[in-house]
Amino acid sequence: MSLLPALEMIIPQPSGGNIPAFLAKLWKMLNNPEIGHLICWSEEGTSFIIKKQGVFASSLLPYYYKHSNMTSFVRQLNMYDFHKVMNVDAGGLKGERDEIEF
């Protein structure tokens, strides 16, 4: 199975405004079922989860954003007011899980 998505979703453009490229690419990733094993919506649909951060950074980030720097990607998410979700189920120490929820 190829990690690069074959399916690209078309994002509707709202009248009178433009969607920043970063957000459009994030939307495409989240709505592509072929890469749901690396990034997907939460069960509630109110947040999203990045799984297998190393694979995500090395394979998907360069495809969508032309870099493989996870820290830069997270910084960009923060700029658009996405922040890590901390919950009791997430577990104790940082690095124990290879998932991040935003």
PDB file of N, CA and C in Angstrom:
ATOM      1  N   MET A   1       0.840  -1.186   0.000  1.00  0.00           N
ATOM      2  CA  MET A   1       0.000   0.000   0.000  1.00  0.00           C
ATOM      3  C   MET A   1       0.884   1.247   0.000  1.00  0.00           C
ATOM      4  N   SER A   2       0.640   2.113  -0.914  1.00  0.00           N
ATOM      5  CA  SER A   2       1.406   3.351  -1.013  1.00  0.00           C
ATOM      6  C   SER A   2       0.961   4.337   0.055  1.00  0.00           C
ATOM      7  N   LEU A   3       1.912   5.047   0.638  1.00  0.00           N
ATOM      8  CA  LEU A   3       1.569   6.051   1.636  1.00  0.00           C
ATOM      9  C   LEU A   3       1.095   7.340   1.002  1.00  0.00           C
ATOM     10  N   LEU A   4       1.433   7.574  -0.254  1.00  0.00           N
ATOM     11  CA  LEU A   4       0.996   8.794  -0.921  1.00  0.00           C
ATOM     12  C   LEU A   4      -0.437   8.620  -1.388  1.00  0.00           C
ATOM     13  N   PRO A   5      -1.286   9.605  -1.123  1.00  0.00           N
ATOM     14  CA  PRO A   5      -2.693   9.484  -1.467  1.00  0.00           C
ATOM     15  C   PRO A   5      -2.938   9.566  -2.969  1.00  0.00           C
ATOM     16  N   ALA A   6      -3.804   8.707  -3.439  1.00  0.00           N
ATOM     17  CA  ALA A   6      -4.198   8.753  -4.841  1.00  0.00           C
ATOM     18  C   ALA A   6      -5.445   9.615  -4.999  1.00  0.00           C
ATOM     19  N   LEU A   7      -6.215   9.729  -3.937  1.00  0.00           N
ATOM     20  CA  LEU A   7      -7.462  10.471  -3.969  1.00  0.00           C
ATOM     21  C   LEU A   7      -7.248  11.882  -3.433  1.00  0.00           C
ATOM     22  N   GLU A   8      -7.657  12.871  -4.168  1.00  0.00           N
ATOM     23  CA  GLU A   8      -7.588  14.262  -3.712  1.00  0.00           C
ATOM     24  C   GLU A   8      -9.006  14.809  -3.650  1.00  0.00           C
ATOM     25  N   MET A   9      -9.357  15.353  -2.500  1.00  0.00           N
ATOM     26  CA  MET A   9     -10.688  15.931  -2.330  1.00  0.00           C
ATOM     27  C   MET A   9     -10.693  17.355  -2.870  1.00  0.00           C
ATOM     28  N   ILE A  10     -11.800  17.754  -3.437  1.00  0.00           N
ATOM     29  CA  ILE A  10     -11.957  19.125  -3.909  1.00  0.00           C
ATOM     30  C   ILE A  10     -12.573  19.926  -2.782  1.00  0.00           C
ATOM     31  N   ILE A  11     -11.950  21.030  -2.462  1.00  0.00           N
ATOM     32  CA  ILE A  11     -12.424  21.877  -1.381  1.00  0.00           C
ATOM     33  C   ILE A  11     -13.266  22.996  -1.960  1.00  0.00           C
ATOM     34  N   PRO A  12     -14.516  23.097  -1.530  1.00  0.00           N
ATOM     35  CA  PRO A  12     -15.339  24.194  -2.034  1.00  0.00           C
ATOM     36  C   PRO A  12     -14.818  25.528  -1.505  1.00  0.00           C
ATOM     37  N   GLN A  13     -14.750  26.497  -2.362  1.00  0.00           N
ATOM     38  CA  GLN A  13     -14.295  27.830  -1.978  1.00  0.00           C
ATOM     39  C   GLN A  13     -15.506  28.673  -1.580  1.00  0.00           C
ATOM     40  N   PRO A  14     -15.497  29.250  -0.387  1.00  0.00           N
ATOM     41  CA  PRO A  14     -16.614  30.104  -0.002  1.00  0.00           C
ATOM     42  C   PRO A  14     -16.606  31.374  -0.858  1.00  0.00           C
ATOM     43  N   SER A  15     -17.773  31.865  -1.125  1.00  0.00           N
ATOM     44  CA  SER A  15     -17.845  33.085  -1.932  1.00  0.00           C
ATOM     45  C   SER A  15     -17.285  34.253  -1.139  1.00  0.00           C
ATOM     46  N   GLY A  16     -16.488  35.065  -1.803  1.00  0.00           N
ATOM     47  CA  GLY A  16     -15.960  36.272  -1.169  1.00  0.00           C
ATOM     48  C   GLY A  16     -14.714  36.068  -0.336  1.00  0.00           C
ATOM     49  N   GLY A  17     -14.124  34.861  -0.291  1.00  0.00           N
ATOM     50  CA  GLY A  17     -12.934  34.679   0.528  1.00  0.00           C
ATOM     51  C   GLY A  17     -12.087  33.519   0.049  1.00  0.00           C
ATOM     52  N   ASN A  18     -10.860  33.513   0.484  1.00  0.00           N
ATOM     53  CA  ASN A  18      -9.938  32.438   0.131  1.00  0.00           C
ATOM     54  C   ASN A  18      -9.568  31.653   1.368  1.00  0.00           C
ATOM     55  N   ILE A  19      -9.369  30.375   1.189  1.00  0.00           N
ATOM     56  CA  ILE A  19      -8.918  29.510   2.273  1.00  0.00           C
ATOM     57  C   ILE A  19      -7.400  29.449   2.194  1.00  0.00           C
ATOM     58  N   PRO A  20      -6.697  29.698   3.309  1.00  0.00           N
ATOM     59  CA  PRO A  20      -5.231  29.584   3.282  1.00  0.00           C
ATOM     60  C   PRO A  20      -4.804  28.187   2.831  1.00  0.00           C
ATOM     61  N   ALA A  21      -3.732  28.126   2.066  1.00  0.00           N
ATOM     62  CA  ALA A  21      -3.241  26.861   1.513  1.00  0.00           C
ATOM     63  C   ALA A  21      -2.987  25.828   2.607  1.00  0.00           C
ATOM     64  N   PHE A  22      -2.430  26.259   3.740  1.00  0.00           N
ATOM     65  CA  PHE A  22      -2.149  25.318   4.829  1.00  0.00           C
ATOM     66  C   PHE A  22      -3.422  24.602   5.267  1.00  0.00           C
ATOM     67  N   LEU A  23      -4.496  25.352   5.462  1.00  0.00           N
ATOM     68  CA  LEU A  23      -5.757  24.767   5.918  1.00  0.00           C
ATOM     69  C   LEU A  23      -6.402  23.902   4.836  1.00  0.00           C
ATOM     70  N   ALA A  24      -6.294  24.320   3.584  1.00  0.00           N
ATOM     71  CA  ALA A  24      -6.844  23.526   2.487  1.00  0.00           C
ATOM     72  C   ALA A  24      -6.149  22.171   2.408  1.00  0.00           C
ATOM     73  N   LYS A  25      -4.844  22.159   2.564  1.00  0.00           N
ATOM     74  CA  LYS A  25      -4.082  20.903   2.521  1.00  0.00           C
ATOM     75  C   LYS A  25      -4.409  20.030   3.723  1.00  0.00           C
ATOM     76  N   LEU A  26      -4.565  20.636   4.890  1.00  0.00           N
ATOM     77  CA  LEU A  26      -4.945  19.888   6.089  1.00  0.00           C
ATOM     78  C   LEU A  26      -6.311  19.233   5.876  1.00  0.00           C
ATOM     79  N   TRP A  27      -7.260  19.985   5.325  1.00  0.00           N
ATOM     80  CA  TRP A  27      -8.600  19.459   5.042  1.00  0.00           C
ATOM     81  C   TRP A  27      -8.518  18.271   4.081  1.00  0.00           C
ATOM     82  N   LYS A  28      -7.696  18.377   3.053  1.00  0.00           N
ATOM     83  CA  LYS A  28      -7.530  17.282   2.100  1.00  0.00           C
ATOM     84  C   LYS A  28      -7.005  16.031   2.789  1.00  0.00           C
ATOM     85  N   MET A  29      -6.014  16.212   3.652  1.00  0.00           N
ATOM     86  CA  MET A  29      -5.462  15.055   4.358  1.00  0.00           C
ATOM     87  C   MET A  29      -6.522  14.403   5.234  1.00  0.00           C
ATOM     88  N   LEU A  30      -7.247  15.219   5.990  1.00  0.00           N
ATOM     89  CA  LEU A  30      -8.222  14.691   6.935  1.00  0.00           C
ATOM     90  C   LEU A  30      -9.385  13.978   6.250  1.00  0.00           C
ATOM     91  N   ASN A  31      -9.683  14.338   5.047  1.00  0.00           N
ATOM     92  CA  ASN A  31     -10.820  13.749   4.349  1.00  0.00           C
ATOM     93  C   ASN A  31     -10.408  12.722   3.304  1.00  0.00           C
ATOM     94  N   ASN A  32      -9.166  12.289   3.361  1.00  0.00           N
ATOM     95  CA  ASN A  32      -8.678  11.261   2.439  1.00  0.00           C
ATOM     96  C   ASN A  32      -8.631   9.925   3.181  1.00  0.00           C
ATOM     97  N   PRO A  33      -9.563   9.015   2.888  1.00  0.00           N
ATOM     98  CA  PRO A  33      -9.601   7.735   3.611  1.00  0.00           C
ATOM     99  C   PRO A  33      -8.365   6.861   3.389  1.00  0.00           C
ATOM    100  N   GLU A  34      -7.625   7.107   2.320  1.00  0.00           N
ATOM    101  CA  GLU A  34      -6.438   6.293   2.041  1.00  0.00           C
ATOM    102  C   GLU A  34      -5.306   6.535   3.026  1.00  0.00           C
ATOM    103  N   ILE A  35      -5.343   7.670   3.721  1.00  0.00           N
ATOM    104  CA  ILE A  35      -4.279   7.966   4.691  1.00  0.00           C
ATOM    105  C   ILE A  35      -4.825   8.075   6.113  1.00  0.00           C
ATOM    106  N   GLY A  36      -6.017   7.527   6.330  1.00  0.00           N
ATOM    107  CA  GLY A  36      -6.649   7.556   7.648  1.00  0.00           C
ATOM    108  C   GLY A  36      -5.861   6.842   8.729  1.00  0.00           C
ATOM    109  N   HIS A  37      -4.942   5.985   8.324  1.00  0.00           N
ATOM    110  CA  HIS A  37      -4.097   5.294   9.305  1.00  0.00           C
ATOM    111  C   HIS A  37      -3.005   6.230   9.853  1.00  0.00           C
ATOM    112  N   LEU A  38      -2.842   7.409   9.224  1.00  0.00           N
ATOM    113  CA  LEU A  38      -1.836   8.377   9.688  1.00  0.00           C
ATOM    114  C   LEU A  38      -2.445   9.669  10.220  1.00  0.00           C
ATOM    115  N   ILE A  39      -3.584  10.091   9.665  1.00  0.00           N
ATOM    116  CA  ILE A  39      -4.262  11.302  10.139  1.00  0.00           C
ATOM    117  C   ILE A  39      -5.757  11.119   9.884  1.00  0.00           C
ATOM    118  N   CYS A  40      -6.563  11.410  10.902  1.00  0.00           N
ATOM    119  CA  CYS A  40      -8.006  11.218  10.768  1.00  0.00           C
ATOM    120  C   CYS A  40      -8.747  12.073  11.789  1.00  0.00           C
ATOM    121  N   TRP A  41     -10.041  12.221  11.552  1.00  0.00           N
ATOM    122  CA  TRP A  41     -10.903  12.903  12.515  1.00  0.00           C
ATOM    123  C   TRP A  41     -11.069  12.014  13.744  1.00  0.00           C
ATOM    124  N   SER A  42     -11.311  12.623  14.891  1.00  0.00           N
ATOM    125  CA  SER A  42     -11.632  11.852  16.095  1.00  0.00           C
ATOM    126  C   SER A  42     -13.017  11.247  15.921  1.00  0.00           C
ATOM    127  N   GLU A  43     -13.379  10.332  16.795  1.00  0.00           N
ATOM    128  CA  GLU A  43     -14.695   9.697  16.717  1.00  0.00           C
ATOM    129  C   GLU A  43     -15.815  10.729  16.787  1.00  0.00           C
ATOM    130  N   GLU A  44     -15.627  11.773  17.601  1.00  0.00           N
ATOM    131  CA  GLU A  44     -16.653  12.797  17.762  1.00  0.00           C
ATOM    132  C   GLU A  44     -16.670  13.777  16.591  1.00  0.00           C
ATOM    133  N   GLY A  45     -15.565  13.827  15.836  1.00  0.00           N
ATOM    134  CA  GLY A  45     -15.467  14.749  14.715  1.00  0.00           C
ATOM    135  C   GLY A  45     -15.155  16.180  15.122  1.00  0.00           C
ATOM    136  N   THR A  46     -14.748  16.370  16.360  1.00  0.00           N
ATOM    137  CA  THR A  46     -14.459  17.719  16.865  1.00  0.00           C
ATOM    138  C   THR A  46     -12.970  18.007  16.930  1.00  0.00           C
ATOM    139  N   SER A  47     -12.162  17.013  16.641  1.00  0.00           N
ATOM    140  CA  SER A  47     -10.706  17.162  16.652  1.00  0.00           C
ATOM    141  C   SER A  47     -10.134  16.164  15.651  1.00  0.00           C
ATOM    142  N   PHE A  48      -8.828  16.208  15.467  1.00  0.00           N
ATOM    143  CA  PHE A  48      -8.208  15.225  14.592  1.00  0.00           C
ATOM    144  C   PHE A  48      -6.981  14.647  15.263  1.00  0.00           C
ATOM    145  N   ILE A  49      -6.585  13.470  14.792  1.00  0.00           N
ATOM    146  CA  ILE A  49      -5.497  12.718  15.407  1.00  0.00           C
ATOM    147  C   ILE A  49      -4.429  12.430  14.354  1.00  0.00           C
ATOM    148  N   ILE A  50      -3.195  12.704  14.713  1.00  0.00           N
ATOM    149  CA  ILE A  50      -2.062  12.330  13.883  1.00  0.00           C
ATOM    150  C   ILE A  50      -1.462  11.080  14.522  1.00  0.00           C
ATOM    151  N   LYS A  51      -1.421  10.002  13.761  1.00  0.00           N
ATOM    152  CA  LYS A  51      -0.892   8.727  14.248  1.00  0.00           C
ATOM    153  C   LYS A  51       0.465   8.484  13.613  1.00  0.00           C
ATOM    154  N   LYS A  52       1.287   7.705  14.264  1.00  0.00           N
ATOM    155  CA  LYS A  52       2.604   7.344  13.727  1.00  0.00           C
ATOM    156  C   LYS A  52       3.324   8.590  13.220  1.00  0.00           C
ATOM    157  N   GLN A  53       3.659   9.469  14.148  1.00  0.00           N
ATOM    158  CA  GLN A  53       4.231  10.771  13.801  1.00  0.00           C
ATOM    159  C   GLN A  53       5.439  10.690  12.883  1.00  0.00           C
ATOM    160  N   GLY A  54       6.302   9.733  13.096  1.00  0.00           N
ATOM    161  CA  GLY A  54       7.496   9.615  12.267  1.00  0.00           C
ATOM    162  C   GLY A  54       7.158   9.339  10.810  1.00  0.00           C
ATOM    163  N   VAL A  55       6.244   8.402  10.588  1.00  0.00           N
ATOM    164  CA  VAL A  55       5.825   8.060   9.229  1.00  0.00           C
ATOM    165  C   VAL A  55       5.065   9.233   8.618  1.00  0.00           C
ATOM    166  N   PHE A  56       4.197   9.848   9.414  1.00  0.00           N
ATOM    167  CA  PHE A  56       3.445  11.018   8.951  1.00  0.00           C
ATOM    168  C   PHE A  56       4.397  12.113   8.480  1.00  0.00           C
ATOM    169  N   ALA A  57       5.410  12.414   9.304  1.00  0.00           N
ATOM    170  CA  ALA A  57       6.355  13.486   8.981  1.00  0.00           C
ATOM    171  C   ALA A  57       7.215  13.155   7.764  1.00  0.00           C
ATOM    172  N   SER A  58       7.635  11.906   7.649  1.00  0.00           N
ATOM    173  CA  SER A  58       8.554  11.566   6.553  1.00  0.00           C
ATOM    174  C   SER A  58       7.853  11.301   5.222  1.00  0.00           C
ATOM    175  N   SER A  59       6.579  10.916   5.258  1.00  0.00           N
ATOM    176  CA  SER A  59       5.912  10.586   4.000  1.00  0.00           C
ATOM    177  C   SER A  59       4.828  11.583   3.584  1.00  0.00           C
ATOM    178  N   LEU A  60       3.971  12.002   4.507  1.00  0.00           N
ATOM    179  CA  LEU A  60       2.882  12.889   4.123  1.00  0.00           C
ATOM    180  C   LEU A  60       3.261  14.365   4.120  1.00  0.00           C
ATOM    181  N   LEU A  61       4.020  14.803   5.108  1.00  0.00           N
ATOM    182  CA  LEU A  61       4.387  16.226   5.138  1.00  0.00           C
ATOM    183  C   LEU A  61       5.106  16.667   3.872  1.00  0.00           C
ATOM    184  N   PRO A  62       6.085  15.927   3.373  1.00  0.00           N
ATOM    185  CA  PRO A  62       6.740  16.374   2.131  1.00  0.00           C
ATOM    186  C   PRO A  62       5.791  16.383   0.926  1.00  0.00           C
ATOM    187  N   TYR A  63       4.829  15.471   0.908  1.00  0.00           N
ATOM    188  CA  TYR A  63       3.882  15.398  -0.198  1.00  0.00           C
ATOM    189  C   TYR A  63       2.975  16.632  -0.214  1.00  0.00           C
ATOM    190  N   TYR A  64       2.490  17.030   0.960  1.00  0.00           N
ATOM    191  CA  TYR A  64       1.558  18.150   1.041  1.00  0.00           C
ATOM    192  C   TYR A  64       2.234  19.500   1.275  1.00  0.00           C
ATOM    193  N   TYR A  65       3.310  19.529   2.060  1.00  0.00           N
ATOM    194  CA  TYR A  65       3.886  20.802   2.499  1.00  0.00           C
ATOM    195  C   TYR A  65       5.340  21.015   2.073  1.00  0.00           C
ATOM    196  N   LYS A  66       5.931  20.106   1.362  1.00  0.00           N
ATOM    197  CA  LYS A  66       7.308  20.234   0.852  1.00  0.00           C
ATOM    198  C   LYS A  66       8.360  20.321   1.952  1.00  0.00           C
ATOM    199  N   HIS A  67       8.059  19.769   3.112  1.00  0.00           N
ATOM    200  CA  HIS A  67       9.049  19.628   4.189  1.00  0.00           C
ATOM    201  C   HIS A  67       8.645  18.431   5.041  1.00  0.00           C
ATOM    202  N   SER A  68       9.553  17.982   5.888  1.00  0.00           N
ATOM    203  CA  SER A  68       9.249  16.847   6.758  1.00  0.00           C
ATOM    204  C   SER A  68       9.479  17.195   8.225  1.00  0.00           C
ATOM    205  N   ASN A  69       9.330  18.462   8.559  1.00  0.00           N
ATOM    206  CA  ASN A  69       9.590  18.940   9.905  1.00  0.00           C
ATOM    207  C   ASN A  69       8.298  18.977  10.713  1.00  0.00           C
ATOM    208  N   MET A  70       8.130  17.994  11.598  1.00  0.00           N
ATOM    209  CA  MET A  70       6.917  17.891  12.414  1.00  0.00           C
ATOM    210  C   MET A  70       6.756  19.104  13.333  1.00  0.00           C
ATOM    211  N   THR A  71       7.860  19.596  13.861  1.00  0.00           N
ATOM    212  CA  THR A  71       7.804  20.756  14.753  1.00  0.00           C
ATOM    213  C   THR A  71       7.250  21.976  14.020  1.00  0.00           C
ATOM    214  N   SER A  72       7.689  22.185  12.789  1.00  0.00           N
ATOM    215  CA  SER A  72       7.183  23.306  11.994  1.00  0.00           C
ATOM    216  C   SER A  72       5.695  23.134  11.689  1.00  0.00           C
ATOM    217  N   PHE A  73       5.286  21.897  11.419  1.00  0.00           N
ATOM    218  CA  PHE A  73       3.877  21.625  11.149  1.00  0.00           C
ATOM    219  C   PHE A  73       3.025  21.948  12.377  1.00  0.00           C
ATOM    220  N   VAL A  74       3.467  21.520  13.544  1.00  0.00           N
ATOM    221  CA  VAL A  74       2.735  21.795  14.785  1.00  0.00           C
ATOM    222  C   VAL A  74       2.706  23.296  15.063  1.00  0.00           C
ATOM    223  N   ARG A  75       3.809  23.978  14.817  1.00  0.00           N
ATOM    224  CA  ARG A  75       3.857  25.433  15.001  1.00  0.00           C
ATOM    225  C   ARG A  75       2.835  26.120  14.099  1.00  0.00           C
ATOM    226  N   GLN A  76       2.739  25.647  12.866  1.00  0.00           N
ATOM    227  CA  GLN A  76       1.761  26.201  11.922  1.00  0.00           C
ATOM    228  C   GLN A  76       0.331  25.922  12.398  1.00  0.00           C
ATOM    229  N   LEU A  77       0.090  24.717  12.896  1.00  0.00           N
ATOM    230  CA  LEU A  77      -1.229  24.403  13.462  1.00  0.00           C
ATOM    231  C   LEU A  77      -1.560  25.371  14.593  1.00  0.00           C
ATOM    232  N   ASN A  78      -0.592  25.613  15.461  1.00  0.00           N
ATOM    233  CA  ASN A  78      -0.802  26.531  16.583  1.00  0.00           C
ATOM    234  C   ASN A  78      -1.135  27.935  16.102  1.00  0.00           C
ATOM    235  N   MET A  79      -0.501  28.349  14.993  1.00  0.00           N
ATOM    236  CA  MET A  79      -0.761  29.672  14.444  1.00  0.00           C
ATOM    237  C   MET A  79      -2.231  29.814  14.020  1.00  0.00           C
ATOM    238  N   TYR A  80      -2.834  28.711  13.575  1.00  0.00           N
ATOM    239  CA  TYR A  80      -4.244  28.721  13.198  1.00  0.00           C
ATOM    240  C   TYR A  80      -5.148  28.314  14.362  1.00  0.00           C
ATOM    241  N   ASP A  81      -4.610  28.370  15.559  1.00  0.00           N
ATOM    242  CA  ASP A  81      -5.346  28.131  16.810  1.00  0.00           C
ATOM    243  C   ASP A  81      -5.743  26.676  17.028  1.00  0.00           C
ATOM    244  N   PHE A  82      -4.999  25.741  16.432  1.00  0.00           N
ATOM    245  CA  PHE A  82      -5.144  24.328  16.772  1.00  0.00           C
ATOM    246  C   PHE A  82      -4.154  24.051  17.886  1.00  0.00           C
ATOM    247  N   HIS A  83      -4.610  23.373  18.921  1.00  0.00           N
ATOM    248  CA  HIS A  83      -3.735  23.064  20.053  1.00  0.00           C
ATOM    249  C   HIS A  83      -3.914  21.607  20.449  1.00  0.00           C
ATOM    250  N   LYS A  84      -2.868  21.051  21.010  1.00  0.00           N
ATOM    251  CA  LYS A  84      -2.911  19.654  21.439  1.00  0.00           C
ATOM    252  C   LYS A  84      -4.012  19.475  22.470  1.00  0.00           C
ATOM    253  N   VAL A  85      -4.754  18.374  22.330  1.00  0.00           N
ATOM    254  CA  VAL A  85      -5.806  18.027  23.271  1.00  0.00           C
ATOM    255  C   VAL A  85      -5.190  17.130  24.331  1.00  0.00           C
ATOM    256  N   MET A  86      -5.293  17.554  25.555  1.00  0.00           N
ATOM    257  CA  MET A  86      -4.808  16.736  26.665  1.00  0.00           C
ATOM    258  C   MET A  86      -6.014  16.114  27.353  1.00  0.00           C
ATOM    259  N   ASN A  87      -5.985  14.795  27.498  1.00  0.00           N
ATOM    260  CA  ASN A  87      -7.060  14.136  28.227  1.00  0.00           C
ATOM    261  C   ASN A  87      -6.490  13.002  29.057  1.00  0.00           C
ATOM    262  N   VAL A  88      -7.282  12.537  29.985  1.00  0.00           N
ATOM    263  CA  VAL A  88      -6.837  11.493  30.903  1.00  0.00           C
ATOM    264  C   VAL A  88      -6.510  10.210  30.148  1.00  0.00           C
ATOM    265  N   ASP A  89      -7.268   9.912  29.095  1.00  0.00           N
ATOM    266  CA  ASP A  89      -7.054   8.680  28.337  1.00  0.00           C
ATOM    267  C   ASP A  89      -5.741   8.677  27.561  1.00  0.00           C
ATOM    268  N   ALA A  90      -5.180   9.851  27.329  1.00  0.00           N
ATOM    269  CA  ALA A  90      -3.975   9.956  26.501  1.00  0.00           C
ATOM    270  C   ALA A  90      -2.765   9.293  27.150  1.00  0.00           C
ATOM    271  N   GLY A  91      -2.812   9.080  28.445  1.00  0.00           N
ATOM    272  CA  GLY A  91      -1.702   8.399  29.098  1.00  0.00           C
ATOM    273  C   GLY A  91      -0.695   9.366  29.675  1.00  0.00           C
ATOM    274  N   GLY A  92       0.250   8.808  30.405  1.00  0.00           N
ATOM    275  CA  GLY A  92       1.192   9.585  31.184  1.00  0.00           C
ATOM    276  C   GLY A  92       2.256  10.336  30.431  1.00  0.00           C
ATOM    277  N   LEU A  93       3.423   9.761  30.319  1.00  0.00           N
ATOM    278  CA  LEU A  93       4.592  10.473  29.843  1.00  0.00           C
ATOM    279  C   LEU A  93       4.565  10.777  28.356  1.00  0.00           C
ATOM    280  N   LYS A  94       5.129  11.932  28.026  1.00  0.00           N
ATOM    281  CA  LYS A  94       5.269  12.314  26.625  1.00  0.00           C
ATOM    282  C   LYS A  94       6.161  11.280  25.935  1.00  0.00           C
ATOM    283  N   GLY A  95       5.775  10.870  24.756  1.00  0.00           N
ATOM    284  CA  GLY A  95       6.561   9.868  24.034  1.00  0.00           C
ATOM    285  C   GLY A  95       6.089   8.457  24.228  1.00  0.00           C
ATOM    286  N   GLU A  96       5.187   8.233  25.202  1.00  0.00           N
ATOM    287  CA  GLU A  96       4.644   6.893  25.398  1.00  0.00           C
ATOM    288  C   GLU A  96       3.756   6.487  24.242  1.00  0.00           C
ATOM    289  N   ARG A  97       3.062   7.452  23.659  1.00  0.00           N
ATOM    290  CA  ARG A  97       2.166   7.188  22.541  1.00  0.00           C
ATOM    291  C   ARG A  97       2.653   7.956  21.329  1.00  0.00           C
ATOM    292  N   ASP A  98       2.448   7.360  20.185  1.00  0.00           N
ATOM    293  CA  ASP A  98       2.892   8.002  18.950  1.00  0.00           C
ATOM    294  C   ASP A  98       1.712   8.687  18.250  1.00  0.00           C
ATOM    295  N   GLU A  99       0.807   9.253  19.053  1.00  0.00           N
ATOM    296  CA  GLU A  99      -0.353   9.963  18.536  1.00  0.00           C
ATOM    297  C   GLU A  99      -0.430  11.345  19.146  1.00  0.00           C
ATOM    298  N   ILE A 100      -0.941  12.290  18.355  1.00  0.00           N
ATOM    299  CA  ILE A 100      -1.216  13.635  18.862  1.00  0.00           C
ATOM    300  C   ILE A 100      -2.623  13.992  18.416  1.00  0.00           C
ATOM    301  N   GLU A 101      -3.401  14.532  19.326  1.00  0.00           N
ATOM    302  CA  GLU A 101      -4.751  14.983  18.994  1.00  0.00           C
ATOM    303  C   GLU A 101      -4.789  16.503  19.063  1.00  0.00           C
ATOM    304  N   PHE A 102      -5.404  17.106  18.038  1.00  0.00           N
ATOM    305  CA  PHE A 102      -5.561  18.557  17.979  1.00  0.00           C
ATOM    306  C   PHE A 102      -7.025  18.905  17.896  1.00  0.00           C
TER     307      PHE A 102
END
